[in-house]
Amino acid sequence: MSKISTETFECPKCNTKSEFERWHSLNADLSPDAKDKLLAGKLFSVTCPECKTVSQVVYPLLYHDMTRKALIQLVFSEEEAEGFKENTTSVFLNAPGSSDDIKEKAADYIFRAVFSSNELMEKVHIIDSGLDDRIIEIMKLMIQAMASESNPEINIKQLLFAPDSPYRFVIITQGDAFSVEFDMNGYTKIKEAYEDAIEEKSRDCVCIDKEWALGNFAP
């Protein structure tokens, strides 16, 4: 079930106070419109009714996709990520069944903690596309290494998966943004070559990101 509260926001430009919906948890199956707002980048934005200034208001959010069996928690610290990791099984305590049943259900789920709204949107896109975010992170690591090799002065700020047709990666640098094509053959090769290692290195890990890839699969 989605959980929402109404909170007050003060516009940083004109100081007008207005109310906005804060989503503490978002169930994608039960609240598809809210999911659409999330993926459109609108769930964390507030428009001032007076001066029309659009402000970003990012807050902790638990995203739940029952169909694809994924729980993604937006956090702001390593401690919060660790707390989410320790309490993932308890998410299922609202469902009837024995502790063994709960453990079995939890084993089928993807648990992830992310540290920004962009990462949250990216994880949702990856899961919706039926891809493995662990392989995606390894691919991004390789793309960044190749980009740095061809242009040592490049300063990549962010590298994100984009679910366009065809899939691609968006590379954001200090003052520019461009994209590279998603290599499905490369994705398959990584999956086949590192399948066992990926499972081992991601066991009990909820932060599947650049740091995870660097720590385990640096070229």
C-alpha atoms as a PDB file:
ATOM      1  CA  MET A   1       0.000   0.000   0.000  1.00  0.00           C
ATOM      2  CA  SER A   2       1.205   3.510  -0.794  1.00  0.00           C
ATOM      3  CA  LYS A   3       1.595   5.929   2.097  1.00  0.00           C
ATOM      4  CA  ILE A   4       1.198   9.667   1.559  1.00  0.00           C
ATOM      5  CA  SER A   5       1.153  12.725   3.801  1.00  0.00           C
ATOM      6  CA  THR A   6       0.425  16.395   3.133  1.00  0.00           C
ATOM      7  CA  GLU A   7       3.228  18.735   4.136  1.00  0.00           C
ATOM      8  CA  THR A   8       3.968  22.443   3.936  1.00  0.00           C
ATOM      9  CA  PHE A   9       6.615  23.881   1.635  1.00  0.00           C
ATOM     10  CA  GLU A  10       7.938  27.436   1.675  1.00  0.00           C
ATOM     11  CA  CYS A  11       9.024  28.808  -1.687  1.00  0.00           C
ATOM     12  CA  PRO A  12      12.700  29.856  -1.521  1.00  0.00           C
ATOM     13  CA  LYS A  13      12.037  32.725  -3.940  1.00  0.00           C
ATOM     14  CA  CYS A  14       8.886  34.446  -2.650  1.00  0.00           C
ATOM     15  CA  ASN A  15       8.366  32.664   0.714  1.00  0.00           C
ATOM     16  CA  THR A  16       4.824  31.655  -0.173  1.00  0.00           C
ATOM     17  CA  LYS A  17       3.738  28.587   1.758  1.00  0.00           C
ATOM     18  CA  SER A  18       1.844  25.814   0.013  1.00  0.00           C
ATOM     19  CA  GLU A  19       1.026  22.168   0.532  1.00  0.00           C
ATOM     20  CA  PHE A  20       2.463  19.216  -1.366  1.00  0.00           C
ATOM     21  CA  GLU A  21       2.060  15.458  -1.311  1.00  0.00           C
ATOM     22  CA  ARG A  22       4.957  13.575   0.228  1.00  0.00           C
ATOM     23  CA  TRP A  23       5.115   9.890  -0.683  1.00  0.00           C
ATOM     24  CA  HIS A  24       6.617   7.866   2.154  1.00  0.00           C
ATOM     25  CA  SER A  25       6.031   4.677   0.161  1.00  0.00           C
ATOM     26  CA  LEU A  26       4.876   4.149  -3.405  1.00  0.00           C
ATOM     27  CA  ASN A  27       3.334   0.901  -4.567  1.00  0.00           C
ATOM     28  CA  ALA A  28       3.764   0.866  -8.336  1.00  0.00           C
ATOM     29  CA  ASP A  29       0.958  -1.659  -8.832  1.00  0.00           C
ATOM     30  CA  LEU A  30      -1.579   0.283  -6.780  1.00  0.00           C
ATOM     31  CA  SER A  31      -0.470   3.829  -7.673  1.00  0.00           C
ATOM     32  CA  PRO A  32       0.580   3.738 -11.352  1.00  0.00           C
ATOM     33  CA  ASP A  33      -0.049   7.485 -11.815  1.00  0.00           C
ATOM     34  CA  ALA A  34       2.417   8.250  -9.029  1.00  0.00           C
ATOM     35  CA  LYS A  35       4.939   5.939 -10.672  1.00  0.00           C
ATOM     36  CA  ASP A  36       4.514   7.903 -13.908  1.00  0.00           C
ATOM     37  CA  LYS A  37       5.150  11.128 -11.995  1.00  0.00           C
ATOM     38  CA  LEU A  38       8.273   9.604 -10.465  1.00  0.00           C
ATOM     39  CA  LEU A  39       9.679   8.587 -13.856  1.00  0.00           C
ATOM     40  CA  ALA A  40       8.792  12.002 -15.292  1.00  0.00           C
ATOM     41  CA  GLY A  41      10.804  13.663 -12.506  1.00  0.00           C
ATOM     42  CA  LYS A  42       7.728  15.313 -11.016  1.00  0.00           C
ATOM     43  CA  LEU A  43       7.251  13.416  -7.767  1.00  0.00           C
ATOM     44  CA  PHE A  44       9.975  15.418  -6.018  1.00  0.00           C
ATOM     45  CA  SER A  45       9.115  18.831  -7.460  1.00  0.00           C
ATOM     46  CA  VAL A  46       6.869  21.545  -6.017  1.00  0.00           C
ATOM     47  CA  THR A  47       5.545  24.472  -8.049  1.00  0.00           C
ATOM     48  CA  CYS A  48       4.906  27.660  -6.096  1.00  0.00           C
ATOM     49  CA  PRO A  49       1.274  28.772  -6.658  1.00  0.00           C
ATOM     50  CA  GLU A  50       2.350  32.416  -6.424  1.00  0.00           C
ATOM     51  CA  CYS A  51       5.543  32.890  -8.467  1.00  0.00           C
ATOM     52  CA  LYS A  52       5.497  29.510 -10.287  1.00  0.00           C
ATOM     53  CA  THR A  53       9.047  28.694  -9.219  1.00  0.00           C
ATOM     54  CA  VAL A  54       9.691  24.958  -9.429  1.00  0.00           C
ATOM     55  CA  SER A  55      11.702  23.591  -6.500  1.00  0.00           C
ATOM     56  CA  GLN A  56      13.100  20.133  -5.851  1.00  0.00           C
ATOM     57  CA  VAL A  57      12.045  18.523  -2.583  1.00  0.00           C
ATOM     58  CA  VAL A  58      13.693  15.125  -2.244  1.00  0.00           C
ATOM     59  CA  TYR A  59      12.766  12.926   0.705  1.00  0.00           C
ATOM     60  CA  PRO A  60      13.171   9.274   1.756  1.00  0.00           C
ATOM     61  CA  LEU A  61      10.869   7.033  -0.266  1.00  0.00           C
ATOM     62  CA  LEU A  62      10.236   3.302  -0.405  1.00  0.00           C
ATOM     63  CA  TYR A  63       9.340   2.117  -3.909  1.00  0.00           C
ATOM     64  CA  HIS A  64       7.558  -1.243  -4.145  1.00  0.00           C
ATOM     65  CA  ASP A  65       6.876  -3.150  -7.358  1.00  0.00           C
ATOM     66  CA  MET A  66       4.889  -6.262  -6.454  1.00  0.00           C
ATOM     67  CA  THR A  67       4.758  -7.562 -10.022  1.00  0.00           C
ATOM     68  CA  ARG A  68       8.515  -7.431 -10.561  1.00  0.00           C
ATOM     69  CA  LYS A  69       9.244  -8.152  -6.886  1.00  0.00           C
ATOM     70  CA  ALA A  70      11.435  -5.164  -6.150  1.00  0.00           C
ATOM     71  CA  LEU A  71      11.856  -2.876  -3.145  1.00  0.00           C
ATOM     72  CA  ILE A  72      13.973   0.246  -3.590  1.00  0.00           C
ATOM     73  CA  GLN A  73      14.625   2.643  -0.710  1.00  0.00           C
ATOM     74  CA  LEU A  74      15.814   6.196  -1.334  1.00  0.00           C
ATOM     75  CA  VAL A  75      18.155   7.080   1.543  1.00  0.00           C
ATOM     76  CA  PHE A  76      20.594   9.868   2.368  1.00  0.00           C
ATOM     77  CA  SER A  77      23.331   8.094   4.313  1.00  0.00           C
ATOM     78  CA  GLU A  78      25.216   4.821   4.580  1.00  0.00           C
ATOM     79  CA  GLU A  79      23.615   4.334   7.994  1.00  0.00           C
ATOM     80  CA  GLU A  80      20.129   4.554   6.488  1.00  0.00           C
ATOM     81  CA  ALA A  81      21.131   2.091   3.771  1.00  0.00           C
ATOM     82  CA  GLU A  82      22.427  -0.305   6.408  1.00  0.00           C
ATOM     83  CA  GLY A  83      19.196   0.072   8.384  1.00  0.00           C
ATOM     84  CA  PHE A  84      17.178  -0.758   5.276  1.00  0.00           C
ATOM     85  CA  LYS A  85      19.357  -3.813   4.691  1.00  0.00           C
ATOM     86  CA  GLU A  86      18.826  -5.044   8.245  1.00  0.00           C
ATOM     87  CA  ASN A  87      15.075  -4.559   8.074  1.00  0.00           C
ATOM     88  CA  THR A  88      14.241  -5.823   4.594  1.00  0.00           C
ATOM     89  CA  THR A  89      12.709  -9.049   5.820  1.00  0.00           C
ATOM     90  CA  SER A  90      10.440  -7.132   8.187  1.00  0.00           C
ATOM     91  CA  VAL A  91       8.813  -5.465   5.169  1.00  0.00           C
ATOM     92  CA  PHE A  92       6.980  -8.739   4.644  1.00  0.00           C
ATOM     93  CA  LEU A  93       5.692  -9.023   8.204  1.00  0.00           C
ATOM     94  CA  ASN A  94       2.395  -7.413   7.191  1.00  0.00           C
ATOM     95  CA  ALA A  95       1.704 -10.419   4.983  1.00  0.00           C
ATOM     96  CA  PRO A  96       0.198 -13.539   6.541  1.00  0.00           C
ATOM     97  CA  GLY A  97       2.341 -16.622   6.837  1.00  0.00           C
ATOM     98  CA  SER A  98       5.074 -18.250   8.863  1.00  0.00           C
ATOM     99  CA  SER A  99       8.622 -16.930   9.169  1.00  0.00           C
ATOM    100  CA  ASP A 100       9.721 -19.541   6.609  1.00  0.00           C
ATOM    101  CA  ASP A 101       7.102 -18.243   4.172  1.00  0.00           C
ATOM    102  CA  ILE A 102       8.367 -14.696   4.693  1.00  0.00           C
ATOM    103  CA  LYS A 103      11.974 -15.729   4.114  1.00  0.00           C
ATOM    104  CA  GLU A 104      10.969 -17.506   0.913  1.00  0.00           C
ATOM    105  CA  LYS A 105       9.140 -14.428  -0.344  1.00  0.00           C
ATOM    106  CA  ALA A 106      12.086 -12.208   0.573  1.00  0.00           C
ATOM    107  CA  ALA A 107      14.497 -14.471  -1.328  1.00  0.00           C
ATOM    108  CA  ASP A 108      12.560 -13.786  -4.547  1.00  0.00           C
ATOM    109  CA  TYR A 109      12.812 -10.005  -4.127  1.00  0.00           C
ATOM    110  CA  ILE A 110      15.307  -7.429  -5.333  1.00  0.00           C
ATOM    111  CA  PHE A 111      16.324  -5.104  -2.471  1.00  0.00           C
ATOM    112  CA  ARG A 112      18.129  -1.894  -3.339  1.00  0.00           C
ATOM    113  CA  ALA A 113      19.112   1.319  -1.545  1.00  0.00           C
ATOM    114  CA  VAL A 114      19.857   4.417  -3.628  1.00  0.00           C
ATOM    115  CA  PHE A 115      21.142   7.872  -2.682  1.00  0.00           C
ATOM    116  CA  SER A 116      19.425  10.166  -5.202  1.00  0.00           C
ATOM    117  CA  SER A 117      16.166  10.546  -7.090  1.00  0.00           C
ATOM    118  CA  ASN A 118      18.039  10.002 -10.381  1.00  0.00           C
ATOM    119  CA  GLU A 119      19.361   6.672  -9.120  1.00  0.00           C
ATOM    120  CA  LEU A 120      15.861   5.699  -8.015  1.00  0.00           C
ATOM    121  CA  MET A 121      14.416   6.473 -11.442  1.00  0.00           C
ATOM    122  CA  GLU A 122      17.255   4.595 -13.115  1.00  0.00           C
ATOM    123  CA  LYS A 123      16.685   1.481 -10.982  1.00  0.00           C
ATOM    124  CA  VAL A 124      12.977   1.534 -11.844  1.00  0.00           C
ATOM    125  CA  HIS A 125      13.770   1.857 -15.564  1.00  0.00           C
ATOM    126  CA  ILE A 126      16.241  -1.040 -15.394  1.00  0.00           C
ATOM    127  CA  ILE A 127      13.797  -3.295 -13.548  1.00  0.00           C
ATOM    128  CA  ASP A 128      10.956  -2.373 -15.905  1.00  0.00           C
ATOM    129  CA  SER A 129      13.212  -3.259 -18.842  1.00  0.00           C
ATOM    130  CA  GLY A 130      13.835  -6.735 -17.427  1.00  0.00           C
ATOM    131  CA  LEU A 131      17.563  -6.107 -17.076  1.00  0.00           C
ATOM    132  CA  ASP A 132      19.970  -6.801 -14.217  1.00  0.00           C
ATOM    133  CA  ASP A 133      21.208  -3.609 -12.545  1.00  0.00           C
ATOM    134  CA  ARG A 134      24.383  -5.377 -11.396  1.00  0.00           C
ATOM    135  CA  ILE A 135      25.409  -6.035 -14.990  1.00  0.00           C
ATOM    136  CA  ILE A 136      24.424  -2.472 -15.907  1.00  0.00           C
ATOM    137  CA  GLU A 137      26.816  -1.104 -13.258  1.00  0.00           C
ATOM    138  CA  ILE A 138      29.671  -3.235 -14.614  1.00  0.00           C
ATOM    139  CA  MET A 139      28.893  -1.996 -18.132  1.00  0.00           C
ATOM    140  CA  LYS A 140      28.944   1.611 -16.937  1.00  0.00           C
ATOM    141  CA  LEU A 141      32.305   1.025 -15.296  1.00  0.00           C
ATOM    142  CA  MET A 142      33.712  -0.271 -18.596  1.00  0.00           C
ATOM    143  CA  ILE A 143      32.198   2.615 -20.572  1.00  0.00           C
ATOM    144  CA  GLN A 144      33.730   5.139 -18.176  1.00  0.00           C
ATOM    145  CA  ALA A 145      37.126   3.437 -18.421  1.00  0.00           C
ATOM    146  CA  MET A 146      37.025   3.508 -22.231  1.00  0.00           C
ATOM    147  CA  ALA A 147      35.900   7.143 -22.260  1.00  0.00           C
ATOM    148  CA  SER A 148      38.747   8.131 -19.929  1.00  0.00           C
ATOM    149  CA  GLU A 149      41.248   6.209 -22.046  1.00  0.00           C
ATOM    150  CA  SER A 150      40.172   7.951 -25.256  1.00  0.00           C
ATOM    151  CA  ASN A 151      39.921  11.352 -23.568  1.00  0.00           C
ATOM    152  CA  PRO A 152      41.904  11.599 -20.299  1.00  0.00           C
ATOM    153  CA  GLU A 153      40.537  15.085 -19.634  1.00  0.00           C
ATOM    154  CA  ILE A 154      36.903  14.029 -19.620  1.00  0.00           C
ATOM    155  CA  ASN A 155      35.134  14.615 -16.311  1.00  0.00           C
ATOM    156  CA  ILE A 156      32.119  12.319 -16.119  1.00  0.00           C
ATOM    157  CA  LYS A 157      29.694  13.475 -13.438  1.00  0.00           C
ATOM    158  CA  GLN A 158      27.039  10.845 -14.011  1.00  0.00           C
ATOM    159  CA  LEU A 159      26.371   7.864 -16.250  1.00  0.00           C
ATOM    160  CA  LEU A 160      22.791   6.650 -16.412  1.00  0.00           C
ATOM    161  CA  PHE A 161      20.860   3.914 -18.199  1.00  0.00           C
ATOM    162  CA  ALA A 162      18.086   5.296 -20.421  1.00  0.00           C
ATOM    163  CA  PRO A 163      15.171   3.057 -21.491  1.00  0.00           C
ATOM    164  CA  ASP A 164      14.730   4.678 -24.893  1.00  0.00           C
ATOM    165  CA  SER A 165      14.226   2.515 -27.943  1.00  0.00           C
ATOM    166  CA  PRO A 166      16.886   1.333 -28.446  1.00  0.00           C
ATOM    167  CA  TYR A 167      18.372   1.412 -24.954  1.00  0.00           C
ATOM    168  CA  ARG A 168      21.304   3.757 -24.365  1.00  0.00           C
ATOM    169  CA  PHE A 169      23.539   5.253 -21.700  1.00  0.00           C
ATOM    170  CA  VAL A 170      23.500   8.993 -20.999  1.00  0.00           C
ATOM    171  CA  ILE A 171      26.887  10.439 -20.051  1.00  0.00           C
ATOM    172  CA  ILE A 172      26.791  13.738 -18.152  1.00  0.00           C
ATOM    173  CA  THR A 173      30.053  15.676 -17.983  1.00  0.00           C
ATOM    174  CA  GLN A 174      31.010  18.993 -16.420  1.00  0.00           C
ATOM    175  CA  GLY A 175      29.370  21.021 -19.159  1.00  0.00           C
ATOM    176  CA  ASP A 176      27.775  18.634 -21.618  1.00  0.00           C
ATOM    177  CA  ALA A 177      25.691  15.497 -22.031  1.00  0.00           C
ATOM    178  CA  PHE A 178      25.782  12.855 -24.721  1.00  0.00           C
ATOM    179  CA  SER A 179      24.719   9.253 -25.152  1.00  0.00           C
ATOM    180  CA  VAL A 180      26.193   5.953 -26.248  1.00  0.00           C
ATOM    181  CA  GLU A 181      24.353   2.944 -27.586  1.00  0.00           C
ATOM    182  CA  PHE A 182      23.510   0.068 -25.255  1.00  0.00           C
ATOM    183  CA  ASP A 183      25.426  -3.052 -26.316  1.00  0.00           C
ATOM    184  CA  MET A 184      23.144  -6.036 -25.690  1.00  0.00           C
ATOM    185  CA  ASN A 185      25.845  -8.448 -26.858  1.00  0.00           C
ATOM    186  CA  GLY A 186      28.208  -6.927 -24.316  1.00  0.00           C
ATOM    187  CA  TYR A 187      25.525  -7.247 -21.638  1.00  0.00           C
ATOM    188  CA  THR A 188      25.114 -10.952 -22.436  1.00  0.00           C
ATOM    189  CA  LYS A 189      28.863 -11.576 -22.411  1.00  0.00           C
ATOM    190  CA  ILE A 190      29.256  -9.956 -18.994  1.00  0.00           C
ATOM    191  CA  LYS A 191      26.367 -12.020 -17.662  1.00  0.00           C
ATOM    192  CA  GLU A 192      27.906 -15.243 -18.942  1.00  0.00           C
ATOM    193  CA  ALA A 193      31.459 -14.410 -17.835  1.00  0.00           C
ATOM    194  CA  TYR A 194      30.722 -13.066 -14.365  1.00  0.00           C
ATOM    195  CA  GLU A 195      27.448 -14.729 -13.372  1.00  0.00           C
ATOM    196  CA  ASP A 196      28.837 -16.604 -10.370  1.00  0.00           C
ATOM    197  CA  ALA A 197      30.981 -13.676  -9.221  1.00  0.00           C
ATOM    198  CA  ILE A 198      28.051 -11.270  -9.531  1.00  0.00           C
ATOM    199  CA  GLU A 199      25.904 -13.491  -7.328  1.00  0.00           C
ATOM    200  CA  GLU A 200      28.666 -13.856  -4.759  1.00  0.00           C
ATOM    201  CA  LYS A 201      29.614 -10.165  -4.647  1.00  0.00           C
ATOM    202  CA  SER A 202      26.009  -8.949  -4.429  1.00  0.00           C
ATOM    203  CA  ARG A 203      24.807 -11.364  -1.765  1.00  0.00           C
ATOM    204  CA  ASP A 204      23.314  -9.360   1.131  1.00  0.00           C
ATOM    205  CA  CYS A 205      24.300  -6.124  -0.627  1.00  0.00           C
ATOM    206  CA  VAL A 206      21.625  -3.479  -1.236  1.00  0.00           C
ATOM    207  CA  CYS A 207      23.840  -0.704  -2.638  1.00  0.00           C
ATOM    208  CA  ILE A 208      24.488  -1.812  -6.207  1.00  0.00           C
ATOM    209  CA  ASP A 209      26.176   1.250  -7.665  1.00  0.00           C
ATOM    210  CA  LYS A 210      29.463   2.590  -9.032  1.00  0.00           C
ATOM    211  CA  GLU A 211      31.287   1.948  -5.747  1.00  0.00           C
ATOM    212  CA  TRP A 212      30.089  -1.665  -5.726  1.00  0.00           C
ATOM    213  CA  ALA A 213      31.262  -2.175  -9.299  1.00  0.00           C
ATOM    214  CA  LEU A 214      34.626  -0.488  -8.631  1.00  0.00           C
ATOM    215  CA  GLY A 215      35.219  -2.582  -5.529  1.00  0.00           C
ATOM    216  CA  ASN A 216      34.492  -5.875  -7.255  1.00  0.00           C
ATOM    217  CA  PHE A 217      34.904  -5.573 -11.025  1.00  0.00           C
ATOM    218  CA  ALA A 218      37.358  -2.746 -11.721  1.00  0.00           C
ATOM    219  CA  PRO A 219      39.092  -3.377 -15.076  1.00  0.00           C
END
